[in-house]
Amino acid sequence: MKLPEEGFLLRVFVGETDSYKGKALYEQIVLKARELNLAGATVIRGIMGFGAHSRIHTAKLLRLSEDLPIVVELVDTEENLNKIIPFLDETVDEGLITMEKARVIKYRHGNRD
């Protein structure tokens, strides 16, 4: 797959304990992205943050069981990323979804066929 130089970055901010159909929501988003043949997805676990309720979530030693912030990043064309928006509308009850232009410098896998 080749990405154009002007791609898009879709970010989904959710909580670590958010779930959908018995699985972690971030995992379900990645699986859906793969099913839709998007270029790639990365899940990032935050060590501290807050959202719409202004409640602090932190990974401090005595509070490891807190609902830490999770960011799922997806990069592809705007057209391809729009394919996952209906799924996100259905599954993200609380959180934030953003999309912005991203300049793609390089996108390749290790095999040089």
C-alpha atoms as a PDB file:
ATOM      1  CA  MET A   1       0.000   0.000   0.000  1.00  0.00           C
ATOM      2  CA  LYS A   2       1.241   3.470  -0.832  1.00  0.00           C
ATOM      3  CA  LEU A   3       0.116   6.559   1.023  1.00  0.00           C
ATOM      4  CA  PRO A   4       0.071   9.977  -0.604  1.00  0.00           C
ATOM      5  CA  GLU A   5       2.301  12.635   0.952  1.00  0.00           C
ATOM      6  CA  GLU A   6      -0.775  14.389   2.337  1.00  0.00           C
ATOM      7  CA  GLY A   7      -2.474  11.903   4.625  1.00  0.00           C
ATOM      8  CA  PHE A   8      -4.678  12.325   7.650  1.00  0.00           C
ATOM      9  CA  LEU A   9      -4.274  11.435  11.306  1.00  0.00           C
ATOM     10  CA  LEU A  10      -7.343  10.278  13.219  1.00  0.00           C
ATOM     11  CA  ARG A  11      -6.984  10.221  17.017  1.00  0.00           C
ATOM     12  CA  VAL A  12      -9.443   8.532  19.348  1.00  0.00           C
ATOM     13  CA  PHE A  13      -9.131   9.369  23.052  1.00  0.00           C
ATOM     14  CA  VAL A  14     -10.844   6.864  25.356  1.00  0.00           C
ATOM     15  CA  GLY A  15     -10.384   5.330  28.786  1.00  0.00           C
ATOM     16  CA  GLU A  16      -8.451   2.155  29.430  1.00  0.00           C
ATOM     17  CA  THR A  17     -11.487   0.424  30.924  1.00  0.00           C
ATOM     18  CA  ASP A  18     -13.877   1.400  28.100  1.00  0.00           C
ATOM     19  CA  SER A  19     -15.202  -1.702  26.388  1.00  0.00           C
ATOM     20  CA  TYR A  20     -17.348  -2.825  23.495  1.00  0.00           C
ATOM     21  CA  LYS A  21     -18.864  -6.301  23.207  1.00  0.00           C
ATOM     22  CA  GLY A  22     -16.761  -7.637  26.071  1.00  0.00           C
ATOM     23  CA  LYS A  23     -13.371  -6.472  24.764  1.00  0.00           C
ATOM     24  CA  ALA A  24     -11.304  -3.369  25.361  1.00  0.00           C
ATOM     25  CA  LEU A  25     -12.609  -0.556  23.144  1.00  0.00           C
ATOM     26  CA  TYR A  26      -9.110   0.357  21.932  1.00  0.00           C
ATOM     27  CA  GLU A  27      -8.616  -3.257  20.809  1.00  0.00           C
ATOM     28  CA  GLN A  28     -11.946  -3.270  18.973  1.00  0.00           C
ATOM     29  CA  ILE A  29     -10.981  -0.040  17.170  1.00  0.00           C
ATOM     30  CA  VAL A  30      -7.671  -1.534  16.011  1.00  0.00           C
ATOM     31  CA  LEU A  31      -9.384  -4.731  14.841  1.00  0.00           C
ATOM     32  CA  LYS A  32     -11.976  -2.687  12.913  1.00  0.00           C
ATOM     33  CA  ALA A  33      -9.208  -0.579  11.325  1.00  0.00           C
ATOM     34  CA  ARG A  34      -7.479  -3.769  10.188  1.00  0.00           C
ATOM     35  CA  GLU A  35     -10.754  -5.178   8.865  1.00  0.00           C
ATOM     36  CA  LEU A  36     -11.196  -1.975   6.826  1.00  0.00           C
ATOM     37  CA  ASN A  37      -7.622  -2.293   5.491  1.00  0.00           C
ATOM     38  CA  LEU A  38      -6.515   1.033   6.914  1.00  0.00           C
ATOM     39  CA  ALA A  39      -2.799   1.769   6.643  1.00  0.00           C
ATOM     40  CA  GLY A  40      -2.082   1.288  10.344  1.00  0.00           C
ATOM     41  CA  ALA A  41      -3.056   1.858  13.949  1.00  0.00           C
ATOM     42  CA  THR A  42      -1.152   2.501  17.163  1.00  0.00           C
ATOM     43  CA  VAL A  43      -2.445   2.423  20.731  1.00  0.00           C
ATOM     44  CA  ILE A  44      -0.740   4.719  23.242  1.00  0.00           C
ATOM     45  CA  ARG A  45      -1.343   4.458  26.987  1.00  0.00           C
ATOM     46  CA  GLY A  46      -1.150   7.749  28.829  1.00  0.00           C
ATOM     47  CA  ILE A  47       0.310   8.095  32.297  1.00  0.00           C
ATOM     48  CA  MET A  48      -1.895  11.028  33.228  1.00  0.00           C
ATOM     49  CA  GLY A  49      -4.782  13.028  31.823  1.00  0.00           C
ATOM     50  CA  PHE A  50      -8.331  14.310  32.171  1.00  0.00           C
ATOM     51  CA  GLY A  51     -11.308  14.648  29.910  1.00  0.00           C
ATOM     52  CA  ALA A  52     -14.775  16.161  29.766  1.00  0.00           C
ATOM     53  CA  HIS A  53     -15.544  15.335  33.423  1.00  0.00           C
ATOM     54  CA  SER A  54     -12.259  16.997  34.536  1.00  0.00           C
ATOM     55  CA  ARG A  55     -11.439  13.943  36.681  1.00  0.00           C
ATOM     56  CA  ILE A  56      -7.673  13.306  36.829  1.00  0.00           C
ATOM     57  CA  HIS A  57      -6.500   9.848  35.754  1.00  0.00           C
ATOM     58  CA  THR A  58      -2.955   8.969  36.755  1.00  0.00           C
ATOM     59  CA  ALA A  59      -0.559   6.018  36.915  1.00  0.00           C
ATOM     60  CA  LYS A  60       0.954   6.982  40.264  1.00  0.00           C
ATOM     61  CA  LEU A  61       2.246   4.004  42.227  1.00  0.00           C
ATOM     62  CA  LEU A  62      -0.640   3.747  44.698  1.00  0.00           C
ATOM     63  CA  ARG A  63      -3.287   4.250  42.015  1.00  0.00           C
ATOM     64  CA  LEU A  64      -2.334   1.696  39.337  1.00  0.00           C
ATOM     65  CA  SER A  65      -5.923   0.545  38.949  1.00  0.00           C
ATOM     66  CA  GLU A  66      -7.124   3.929  37.673  1.00  0.00           C
ATOM     67  CA  ASP A  67      -8.796   4.253  34.277  1.00  0.00           C
ATOM     68  CA  LEU A  68      -5.767   5.578  32.377  1.00  0.00           C
ATOM     69  CA  PRO A  69      -6.111   7.535  29.122  1.00  0.00           C
ATOM     70  CA  ILE A  70      -5.709   5.655  25.856  1.00  0.00           C
ATOM     71  CA  VAL A  71      -5.089   7.236  22.453  1.00  0.00           C
ATOM     72  CA  VAL A  72      -5.611   5.230  19.268  1.00  0.00           C
ATOM     73  CA  GLU A  73      -3.873   6.839  16.278  1.00  0.00           C
ATOM     74  CA  LEU A  74      -4.797   5.908  12.718  1.00  0.00           C
ATOM     75  CA  VAL A  75      -3.062   7.317   9.629  1.00  0.00           C
ATOM     76  CA  ASP A  76      -4.421   6.939   6.111  1.00  0.00           C
ATOM     77  CA  THR A  77      -6.209   8.974   3.467  1.00  0.00           C
ATOM     78  CA  GLU A  78      -9.205  11.027   4.562  1.00  0.00           C
ATOM     79  CA  GLU A  79     -11.454   8.850   2.414  1.00  0.00           C
ATOM     80  CA  ASN A  80     -10.254   5.641   4.084  1.00  0.00           C
ATOM     81  CA  LEU A  81     -10.428   7.071   7.608  1.00  0.00           C
ATOM     82  CA  ASN A  82     -14.006   8.158   6.994  1.00  0.00           C
ATOM     83  CA  LYS A  83     -14.903   4.454   6.671  1.00  0.00           C
ATOM     84  CA  ILE A  84     -14.307   3.901  10.396  1.00  0.00           C
ATOM     85  CA  ILE A  85     -16.270   6.955  11.591  1.00  0.00           C
ATOM     86  CA  PRO A  86     -19.664   5.143  11.751  1.00  0.00           C
ATOM     87  CA  PHE A  87     -18.072   2.428  13.922  1.00  0.00           C
ATOM     88  CA  LEU A  88     -16.573   5.074  16.216  1.00  0.00           C
ATOM     89  CA  ASP A  89     -19.933   6.878  16.448  1.00  0.00           C
ATOM     90  CA  GLU A  90     -21.485   3.596  17.594  1.00  0.00           C
ATOM     91  CA  THR A  91     -18.780   2.527  20.056  1.00  0.00           C
ATOM     92  CA  VAL A  92     -17.243   5.641  21.635  1.00  0.00           C
ATOM     93  CA  ASP A  93     -19.732   6.701  24.324  1.00  0.00           C
ATOM     94  CA  GLU A  94     -17.261   8.951  26.155  1.00  0.00           C
ATOM     95  CA  GLY A  95     -14.100  10.382  24.685  1.00  0.00           C
ATOM     96  CA  LEU A  96     -12.785  12.615  21.951  1.00  0.00           C
ATOM     97  CA  ILE A  97     -12.176  12.008  18.256  1.00  0.00           C
ATOM     98  CA  THR A  98     -10.022  14.361  16.173  1.00  0.00           C
ATOM     99  CA  MET A  99      -8.753  14.376  12.597  1.00  0.00           C
ATOM    100  CA  GLU A 100      -6.001  16.501  11.112  1.00  0.00           C
ATOM    101  CA  LYS A 101      -3.797  16.642   8.058  1.00  0.00           C
ATOM    102  CA  ALA A 102      -0.523  14.765   8.368  1.00  0.00           C
ATOM    103  CA  ARG A 103       2.472  14.926   6.056  1.00  0.00           C
ATOM    104  CA  VAL A 104       3.539  11.349   5.326  1.00  0.00           C
ATOM    105  CA  ILE A 105       7.320  11.166   5.056  1.00  0.00           C
ATOM    106  CA  LYS A 106       7.684   7.414   4.655  1.00  0.00           C
ATOM    107  CA  TYR A 107       5.394   4.377   4.845  1.00  0.00           C
ATOM    108  CA  ARG A 108       6.818   0.979   3.976  1.00  0.00           C
ATOM    109  CA  HIS A 109       7.286  -2.501   5.321  1.00  0.00           C
ATOM    110  CA  GLY A 110      10.572  -4.360   5.714  1.00  0.00           C
ATOM    111  CA  ASN A 111      10.303  -6.533   2.578  1.00  0.00           C
ATOM    112  CA  ARG A 112      11.855  -4.923  -0.461  1.00  0.00           C
ATOM    113  CA  ASP A 113      10.206  -6.928  -3.254  1.00  0.00           C
END
